N, C-alpha and C. Protein backbone atom coordinates (compact mmCIF):
# COMPACT_ATOMS: atom_id res chain seq x y z
N GLU A 1 -10.72 -6.32 15.55
CA GLU A 1 -11.27 -7.46 16.26
C GLU A 1 -10.82 -8.77 15.60
N SER A 2 -10.80 -8.80 14.28
CA SER A 2 -10.37 -10.00 13.58
C SER A 2 -8.92 -10.34 13.93
N SER A 3 -8.09 -9.32 14.06
CA SER A 3 -6.69 -9.54 14.42
C SER A 3 -6.59 -10.17 15.80
N TRP A 4 -7.40 -9.69 16.70
CA TRP A 4 -7.36 -10.22 18.06
C TRP A 4 -7.87 -11.66 18.09
N GLU A 5 -8.91 -11.95 17.37
CA GLU A 5 -9.48 -13.30 17.37
C GLU A 5 -8.56 -14.31 16.70
N THR A 6 -7.90 -13.91 15.60
CA THR A 6 -7.06 -14.85 14.85
C THR A 6 -5.61 -14.85 15.33
N LYS A 7 -5.23 -13.84 16.09
CA LYS A 7 -3.84 -13.67 16.54
C LYS A 7 -2.89 -13.48 15.36
N LYS A 8 -3.42 -12.88 14.28
CA LYS A 8 -2.62 -12.63 13.08
C LYS A 8 -2.81 -11.18 12.64
N PRO A 9 -1.81 -10.63 11.95
CA PRO A 9 -1.95 -9.26 11.43
C PRO A 9 -3.10 -9.17 10.43
N VAL A 10 -3.79 -8.04 10.44
CA VAL A 10 -4.94 -7.82 9.54
C VAL A 10 -4.76 -6.47 8.85
N LEU A 11 -5.05 -6.45 7.55
CA LEU A 11 -5.00 -5.24 6.74
C LEU A 11 -6.42 -4.79 6.42
N THR A 12 -6.70 -3.50 6.60
CA THR A 12 -8.02 -2.98 6.24
C THR A 12 -8.06 -2.67 4.74
N ASN A 13 -9.26 -2.49 4.22
CA ASN A 13 -9.42 -1.92 2.89
C ASN A 13 -9.07 -0.43 2.99
N ARG A 14 -9.05 0.25 1.85
CA ARG A 14 -8.67 1.67 1.87
C ARG A 14 -9.67 2.48 2.68
N LEU A 15 -9.17 3.57 3.20
CA LEU A 15 -10.00 4.52 3.94
C LEU A 15 -9.39 5.90 3.78
N THR A 16 -10.15 6.89 4.16
CA THR A 16 -9.66 8.26 4.18
C THR A 16 -9.73 8.73 5.62
N THR A 17 -8.63 9.24 6.15
CA THR A 17 -8.62 9.69 7.53
C THR A 17 -9.38 11.01 7.66
N ILE A 18 -9.92 11.28 8.82
CA ILE A 18 -10.74 12.47 9.00
C ILE A 18 -9.93 13.76 8.91
N GLN A 19 -8.64 13.72 9.22
CA GLN A 19 -7.83 14.93 9.14
C GLN A 19 -7.21 15.13 7.75
N GLU A 20 -7.42 14.18 6.84
CA GLU A 20 -6.82 14.27 5.50
C GLU A 20 -7.47 15.41 4.72
N THR A 21 -6.63 16.23 4.11
CA THR A 21 -7.14 17.36 3.33
C THR A 21 -7.36 17.01 1.86
N ASP A 22 -6.76 15.92 1.41
CA ASP A 22 -6.92 15.48 0.02
C ASP A 22 -7.81 14.23 0.01
N ALA A 23 -9.01 14.35 -0.53
CA ALA A 23 -9.96 13.23 -0.51
C ALA A 23 -9.45 12.01 -1.27
N ALA A 24 -8.50 12.19 -2.17
CA ALA A 24 -7.96 11.07 -2.94
C ALA A 24 -6.74 10.45 -2.27
N ALA A 25 -6.36 10.95 -1.12
CA ALA A 25 -5.20 10.42 -0.40
C ALA A 25 -5.69 9.32 0.55
N TYR A 26 -5.65 8.10 0.06
CA TYR A 26 -6.14 6.97 0.83
C TYR A 26 -5.10 6.47 1.82
N ALA A 27 -5.57 5.69 2.76
CA ALA A 27 -4.70 5.07 3.76
C ALA A 27 -5.24 3.67 4.04
N VAL A 28 -4.44 2.87 4.70
CA VAL A 28 -4.87 1.57 5.21
C VAL A 28 -4.35 1.47 6.64
N ILE A 29 -4.94 0.57 7.39
CA ILE A 29 -4.46 0.31 8.74
C ILE A 29 -4.07 -1.15 8.83
N ILE A 30 -2.93 -1.39 9.43
CA ILE A 30 -2.49 -2.75 9.72
C ILE A 30 -2.64 -2.94 11.22
N TYR A 31 -3.44 -3.92 11.61
CA TYR A 31 -3.60 -4.27 13.02
C TYR A 31 -2.74 -5.50 13.30
N HIS A 32 -2.02 -5.45 14.42
CA HIS A 32 -1.15 -6.58 14.78
C HIS A 32 -1.40 -6.93 16.25
N PRO A 33 -1.62 -8.22 16.53
CA PRO A 33 -1.95 -8.61 17.91
C PRO A 33 -0.74 -8.65 18.83
N GLY A 34 0.44 -8.38 18.33
CA GLY A 34 1.64 -8.48 19.16
C GLY A 34 2.17 -9.89 19.16
N ILE A 35 3.07 -10.15 20.07
CA ILE A 35 3.65 -11.49 20.18
C ILE A 35 3.45 -11.99 21.60
N PRO A 36 3.32 -13.30 21.77
CA PRO A 36 3.14 -13.81 23.12
C PRO A 36 4.42 -13.60 23.94
N LEU A 37 4.24 -13.21 25.17
CA LEU A 37 5.37 -13.02 26.08
C LEU A 37 5.59 -14.29 26.88
N SER A 38 6.77 -14.43 27.42
CA SER A 38 7.08 -15.64 28.21
C SER A 38 6.20 -15.73 29.45
N THR A 39 5.65 -14.60 29.88
CA THR A 39 4.79 -14.60 31.08
C THR A 39 3.32 -14.84 30.75
N ASP A 40 3.00 -14.90 29.46
CA ASP A 40 1.61 -15.11 29.05
C ASP A 40 1.19 -16.56 29.27
N VAL A 41 -0.09 -16.74 29.46
CA VAL A 41 -0.66 -18.08 29.45
C VAL A 41 -0.48 -18.61 28.04
N PRO A 42 -0.04 -19.86 27.85
CA PRO A 42 0.16 -20.39 26.49
C PRO A 42 -1.06 -20.16 25.60
N GLY A 43 -0.79 -19.62 24.40
CA GLY A 43 -1.86 -19.39 23.43
C GLY A 43 -2.62 -18.09 23.63
N GLU A 44 -2.30 -17.34 24.68
CA GLU A 44 -2.99 -16.07 24.93
C GLU A 44 -2.03 -14.91 24.77
N TYR A 45 -2.56 -13.78 24.35
CA TYR A 45 -1.77 -12.58 24.16
C TYR A 45 -2.24 -11.53 25.15
N GLN A 46 -1.34 -10.65 25.51
CA GLN A 46 -1.71 -9.50 26.33
C GLN A 46 -2.29 -8.42 25.42
N ARG A 47 -3.40 -7.86 25.78
CA ARG A 47 -3.98 -6.79 24.96
C ARG A 47 -3.03 -5.60 24.84
N ALA A 48 -2.16 -5.42 25.79
CA ALA A 48 -1.23 -4.30 25.75
C ALA A 48 -0.25 -4.40 24.58
N THR A 49 -0.04 -5.59 24.05
CA THR A 49 0.89 -5.75 22.94
C THR A 49 0.23 -5.52 21.59
N TRP A 50 -1.10 -5.41 21.55
CA TRP A 50 -1.83 -5.19 20.31
C TRP A 50 -1.53 -3.79 19.80
N THR A 51 -1.29 -3.66 18.50
CA THR A 51 -0.92 -2.36 17.96
C THR A 51 -1.55 -2.15 16.59
N SER A 52 -1.56 -0.91 16.16
CA SER A 52 -2.06 -0.59 14.82
C SER A 52 -1.11 0.40 14.17
N LEU A 53 -1.05 0.34 12.85
CA LEU A 53 -0.17 1.20 12.08
C LEU A 53 -0.97 1.77 10.91
N LEU A 54 -1.05 3.09 10.84
CA LEU A 54 -1.70 3.76 9.72
C LEU A 54 -0.66 3.97 8.62
N VAL A 55 -0.98 3.52 7.41
CA VAL A 55 -0.10 3.72 6.25
C VAL A 55 -0.82 4.66 5.29
N ARG A 56 -0.32 5.88 5.19
CA ARG A 56 -0.87 6.86 4.25
C ARG A 56 -0.20 6.60 2.90
N ILE A 57 -0.99 6.24 1.90
CA ILE A 57 -0.45 5.78 0.62
C ILE A 57 0.42 6.84 -0.07
N PRO A 58 0.02 8.12 -0.14
CA PRO A 58 0.92 9.10 -0.76
C PRO A 58 2.28 9.18 -0.05
N SER A 59 2.29 9.05 1.26
CA SER A 59 3.56 9.07 1.99
C SER A 59 4.39 7.84 1.67
N LEU A 60 3.75 6.70 1.54
CA LEU A 60 4.45 5.48 1.15
C LEU A 60 5.05 5.64 -0.25
N LEU A 61 4.29 6.19 -1.17
CA LEU A 61 4.80 6.41 -2.53
C LEU A 61 5.97 7.39 -2.52
N ASP A 62 5.91 8.42 -1.69
CA ASP A 62 7.03 9.36 -1.56
C ASP A 62 8.30 8.62 -1.17
N ARG A 63 8.18 7.72 -0.20
CA ARG A 63 9.35 6.97 0.28
C ARG A 63 9.87 6.02 -0.79
N VAL A 64 8.97 5.39 -1.51
CA VAL A 64 9.36 4.45 -2.56
C VAL A 64 10.13 5.17 -3.65
N GLY A 65 9.71 6.35 -4.00
CA GLY A 65 10.32 7.06 -5.13
C GLY A 65 11.41 8.04 -4.78
N PHE A 66 11.77 8.14 -3.50
CA PHE A 66 12.69 9.18 -3.06
C PHE A 66 13.97 9.25 -3.89
N LEU A 67 14.66 8.15 -4.06
CA LEU A 67 15.88 8.15 -4.86
C LEU A 67 15.75 7.25 -6.08
N GLN A 68 14.57 7.26 -6.66
CA GLN A 68 14.34 6.50 -7.89
C GLN A 68 15.28 7.00 -8.98
N GLU A 69 15.83 6.08 -9.75
CA GLU A 69 16.82 6.47 -10.76
C GLU A 69 16.30 6.38 -12.19
N GLU A 70 15.02 6.04 -12.36
CA GLU A 70 14.43 5.98 -13.70
C GLU A 70 13.10 6.72 -13.67
N ASN A 71 12.71 7.24 -14.83
CA ASN A 71 11.40 7.87 -14.96
C ASN A 71 10.35 6.76 -15.04
N LEU A 72 9.47 6.70 -14.07
CA LEU A 72 8.45 5.66 -14.06
C LEU A 72 7.25 6.10 -13.24
N ALA A 73 6.19 5.31 -13.36
CA ALA A 73 4.99 5.53 -12.57
C ALA A 73 4.67 4.24 -11.82
N ILE A 74 4.18 4.39 -10.61
CA ILE A 74 3.79 3.25 -9.77
C ILE A 74 2.32 3.39 -9.40
N PHE A 75 1.56 2.32 -9.60
CA PHE A 75 0.14 2.25 -9.28
C PHE A 75 -0.06 1.14 -8.26
N MET A 76 -0.85 1.40 -7.24
CA MET A 76 -1.08 0.40 -6.19
C MET A 76 -2.57 0.09 -6.07
N TYR A 77 -2.88 -1.21 -5.98
CA TYR A 77 -4.26 -1.68 -5.87
C TYR A 77 -4.37 -2.70 -4.75
N ASN A 78 -5.38 -2.55 -3.93
CA ASN A 78 -5.69 -3.52 -2.88
C ASN A 78 -6.52 -4.65 -3.50
N ILE A 79 -6.20 -5.89 -3.16
CA ILE A 79 -6.98 -7.04 -3.63
C ILE A 79 -8.11 -7.27 -2.64
N LEU A 80 -9.34 -7.16 -3.09
CA LEU A 80 -10.51 -7.32 -2.23
C LEU A 80 -10.84 -8.80 -2.03
N ASP A 81 -11.66 -9.08 -1.03
CA ASP A 81 -12.06 -10.47 -0.75
C ASP A 81 -12.71 -11.14 -1.94
N ASN A 82 -13.43 -10.36 -2.77
CA ASN A 82 -14.11 -10.93 -3.94
C ASN A 82 -13.19 -11.03 -5.16
N GLY A 83 -11.90 -10.71 -4.98
CA GLY A 83 -10.94 -10.78 -6.08
C GLY A 83 -10.80 -9.50 -6.88
N GLY A 84 -11.69 -8.55 -6.63
CA GLY A 84 -11.59 -7.26 -7.32
C GLY A 84 -10.41 -6.45 -6.82
N ARG A 85 -10.14 -5.37 -7.51
CA ARG A 85 -9.03 -4.51 -7.13
C ARG A 85 -9.55 -3.12 -6.79
N GLU A 86 -9.03 -2.56 -5.72
CA GLU A 86 -9.42 -1.25 -5.23
C GLU A 86 -8.20 -0.33 -5.32
N PHE A 87 -8.33 0.76 -6.05
CA PHE A 87 -7.22 1.71 -6.22
C PHE A 87 -6.80 2.27 -4.87
N LEU A 88 -5.49 2.24 -4.62
CA LEU A 88 -4.94 2.82 -3.39
C LEU A 88 -4.24 4.15 -3.66
N GLY A 89 -3.51 4.22 -4.76
CA GLY A 89 -2.79 5.44 -5.07
C GLY A 89 -1.82 5.19 -6.20
N ALA A 90 -1.30 6.29 -6.76
CA ALA A 90 -0.35 6.20 -7.86
C ALA A 90 0.44 7.50 -7.92
N ALA A 91 1.66 7.37 -8.43
CA ALA A 91 2.51 8.55 -8.59
C ALA A 91 3.49 8.31 -9.72
N SER A 92 3.87 9.40 -10.37
CA SER A 92 4.95 9.33 -11.36
C SER A 92 6.19 9.96 -10.75
N PHE A 93 7.34 9.42 -11.14
CA PHE A 93 8.62 9.89 -10.63
C PHE A 93 9.48 10.28 -11.81
N THR A 94 9.87 11.55 -11.87
CA THR A 94 10.66 12.07 -12.98
C THR A 94 12.01 12.53 -12.45
N ILE A 95 13.06 12.03 -13.08
CA ILE A 95 14.41 12.40 -12.68
C ILE A 95 14.78 13.69 -13.41
N GLU A 96 15.03 14.73 -12.64
CA GLU A 96 15.44 16.00 -13.24
C GLU A 96 16.94 16.17 -13.20
N GLU A 97 17.57 15.61 -12.15
CA GLU A 97 19.02 15.69 -12.02
C GLU A 97 19.50 14.41 -11.34
N LYS A 98 20.43 13.73 -11.97
CA LYS A 98 20.95 12.46 -11.44
C LYS A 98 21.49 12.65 -10.02
N GLY A 99 21.12 11.72 -9.15
CA GLY A 99 21.57 11.78 -7.76
C GLY A 99 20.69 12.62 -6.86
N GLN A 100 19.70 13.27 -7.43
CA GLN A 100 18.77 14.09 -6.65
C GLN A 100 17.42 13.38 -6.57
N PRO A 101 16.63 13.68 -5.54
CA PRO A 101 15.30 13.05 -5.45
C PRO A 101 14.46 13.32 -6.69
N ALA A 102 13.69 12.32 -7.09
CA ALA A 102 12.81 12.46 -8.24
C ALA A 102 11.68 13.43 -7.94
N ALA A 103 11.22 14.11 -8.97
CA ALA A 103 10.03 14.94 -8.85
C ALA A 103 8.82 14.00 -8.83
N VAL A 104 7.94 14.20 -7.87
CA VAL A 104 6.79 13.32 -7.67
C VAL A 104 5.52 14.04 -8.09
N GLU A 105 4.71 13.36 -8.89
CA GLU A 105 3.40 13.88 -9.25
C GLU A 105 2.38 12.77 -9.03
N TYR A 106 1.37 13.06 -8.22
CA TYR A 106 0.35 12.04 -7.94
C TYR A 106 -0.59 11.91 -9.13
N ILE A 107 -1.02 10.70 -9.37
CA ILE A 107 -1.84 10.38 -10.53
C ILE A 107 -3.27 10.09 -10.08
N ASP A 108 -4.23 10.60 -10.84
CA ASP A 108 -5.64 10.39 -10.51
C ASP A 108 -6.00 8.90 -10.54
N GLU A 109 -7.05 8.58 -9.84
CA GLU A 109 -7.52 7.19 -9.75
C GLU A 109 -7.84 6.65 -11.14
N ILE A 110 -7.42 5.42 -11.38
CA ILE A 110 -7.69 4.73 -12.64
C ILE A 110 -8.01 3.27 -12.31
N GLU A 111 -9.01 2.73 -12.98
CA GLU A 111 -9.35 1.32 -12.78
C GLU A 111 -8.21 0.44 -13.27
N PHE A 112 -7.99 -0.68 -12.60
CA PHE A 112 -6.90 -1.59 -12.94
C PHE A 112 -6.99 -2.03 -14.40
N GLU A 113 -8.18 -2.41 -14.84
CA GLU A 113 -8.35 -2.89 -16.21
C GLU A 113 -8.00 -1.81 -17.22
N ASP A 114 -8.36 -0.57 -16.94
CA ASP A 114 -8.03 0.53 -17.84
C ASP A 114 -6.52 0.76 -17.90
N LEU A 115 -5.88 0.67 -16.75
CA LEU A 115 -4.42 0.82 -16.71
C LEU A 115 -3.75 -0.26 -17.56
N ILE A 116 -4.19 -1.49 -17.41
CA ILE A 116 -3.60 -2.61 -18.15
C ILE A 116 -3.85 -2.43 -19.65
N ASP A 117 -5.06 -2.00 -20.01
CA ASP A 117 -5.37 -1.77 -21.42
C ASP A 117 -4.50 -0.67 -22.04
N ASP A 118 -4.10 0.30 -21.22
CA ASP A 118 -3.32 1.44 -21.70
C ASP A 118 -1.83 1.14 -21.86
N HIS A 119 -1.35 0.01 -21.31
CA HIS A 119 0.08 -0.28 -21.34
C HIS A 119 0.33 -1.72 -21.80
N ASP A 120 1.09 -1.88 -22.85
CA ASP A 120 1.43 -3.20 -23.38
C ASP A 120 2.11 -4.04 -22.30
N SER A 121 1.91 -5.35 -22.38
CA SER A 121 2.46 -6.26 -21.37
C SER A 121 3.99 -6.22 -21.31
N ASP A 122 4.65 -5.89 -22.41
CA ASP A 122 6.11 -5.82 -22.38
C ASP A 122 6.61 -4.47 -21.87
N ARG A 123 5.68 -3.58 -21.52
CA ARG A 123 6.04 -2.24 -21.02
C ARG A 123 5.50 -1.99 -19.62
N ARG A 124 5.26 -3.07 -18.90
CA ARG A 124 4.77 -2.91 -17.53
C ARG A 124 5.23 -4.09 -16.69
N LEU A 125 5.29 -3.88 -15.39
CA LEU A 125 5.60 -4.93 -14.43
C LEU A 125 4.46 -4.96 -13.43
N ILE A 126 3.90 -6.14 -13.19
CA ILE A 126 2.86 -6.30 -12.18
C ILE A 126 3.40 -7.26 -11.13
N LYS A 127 3.39 -6.83 -9.89
CA LYS A 127 3.89 -7.65 -8.79
C LYS A 127 2.85 -7.70 -7.68
N ARG A 128 2.47 -8.90 -7.27
CA ARG A 128 1.55 -9.06 -6.13
C ARG A 128 2.39 -9.14 -4.86
N VAL A 129 2.03 -8.29 -3.90
CA VAL A 129 2.76 -8.19 -2.65
C VAL A 129 1.83 -8.56 -1.50
N SER A 130 2.24 -9.51 -0.68
CA SER A 130 1.45 -9.89 0.50
C SER A 130 1.77 -8.92 1.62
N ILE A 131 0.71 -8.47 2.30
CA ILE A 131 0.89 -7.55 3.43
C ILE A 131 -0.17 -7.88 4.46
N ALA A 132 0.26 -8.28 5.65
CA ALA A 132 -0.64 -8.70 6.72
C ALA A 132 -1.60 -9.77 6.18
N SER A 133 -2.90 -9.54 6.30
CA SER A 133 -3.89 -10.53 5.84
C SER A 133 -4.29 -10.33 4.39
N GLY A 134 -3.73 -9.33 3.74
CA GLY A 134 -4.16 -9.00 2.38
C GLY A 134 -3.04 -9.04 1.37
N SER A 135 -3.36 -8.53 0.19
CA SER A 135 -2.38 -8.44 -0.89
C SER A 135 -2.63 -7.17 -1.69
N TRP A 136 -1.56 -6.68 -2.26
CA TRP A 136 -1.63 -5.52 -3.16
C TRP A 136 -1.05 -5.92 -4.50
N ASP A 137 -1.62 -5.40 -5.56
CA ASP A 137 -0.98 -5.47 -6.88
C ASP A 137 -0.31 -4.12 -7.10
N VAL A 138 0.98 -4.17 -7.42
CA VAL A 138 1.75 -2.99 -7.72
C VAL A 138 2.12 -3.05 -9.19
N VAL A 139 1.78 -2.00 -9.92
CA VAL A 139 2.06 -1.93 -11.36
C VAL A 139 3.06 -0.81 -11.58
N VAL A 140 4.14 -1.15 -12.30
CA VAL A 140 5.18 -0.18 -12.61
C VAL A 140 5.25 -0.03 -14.13
N VAL A 141 5.20 1.21 -14.60
CA VAL A 141 5.28 1.48 -16.04
C VAL A 141 6.30 2.59 -16.28
N PRO A 142 7.05 2.50 -17.39
CA PRO A 142 7.98 3.58 -17.72
C PRO A 142 7.21 4.81 -18.20
N ILE A 143 7.79 5.97 -17.97
CA ILE A 143 7.18 7.21 -18.49
C ILE A 143 8.22 7.98 -19.29
């Protein structure tokens, strides 16, 4: 509804889909109101152009790490309206043979502050990524 009212893409907080077999496999939904067509009344959108996209975080991590060339771990956190961080997912990627897909192992949920405390600032990368109406903090650490 917010996407429709603002005419801007909206990102949900994490959720678990009802068909998901792994309770720790979170997802988010991006709602997009579409784009105005030349036949639309100025400033109005057709409801038919409104769309949603489910992003399953483990699947996203699989794609990110498919041809990773270094041993590393990636942690993803959603930035909440109150400034807090909500764990979305994490995985480690281990190269067993150069040129082959990395071995992926999903990592249990960890609080952002605990992750930061566990890794020195010169041994981690934190990048804030804007996505729709929200932001994610992505933390990369060598393994």
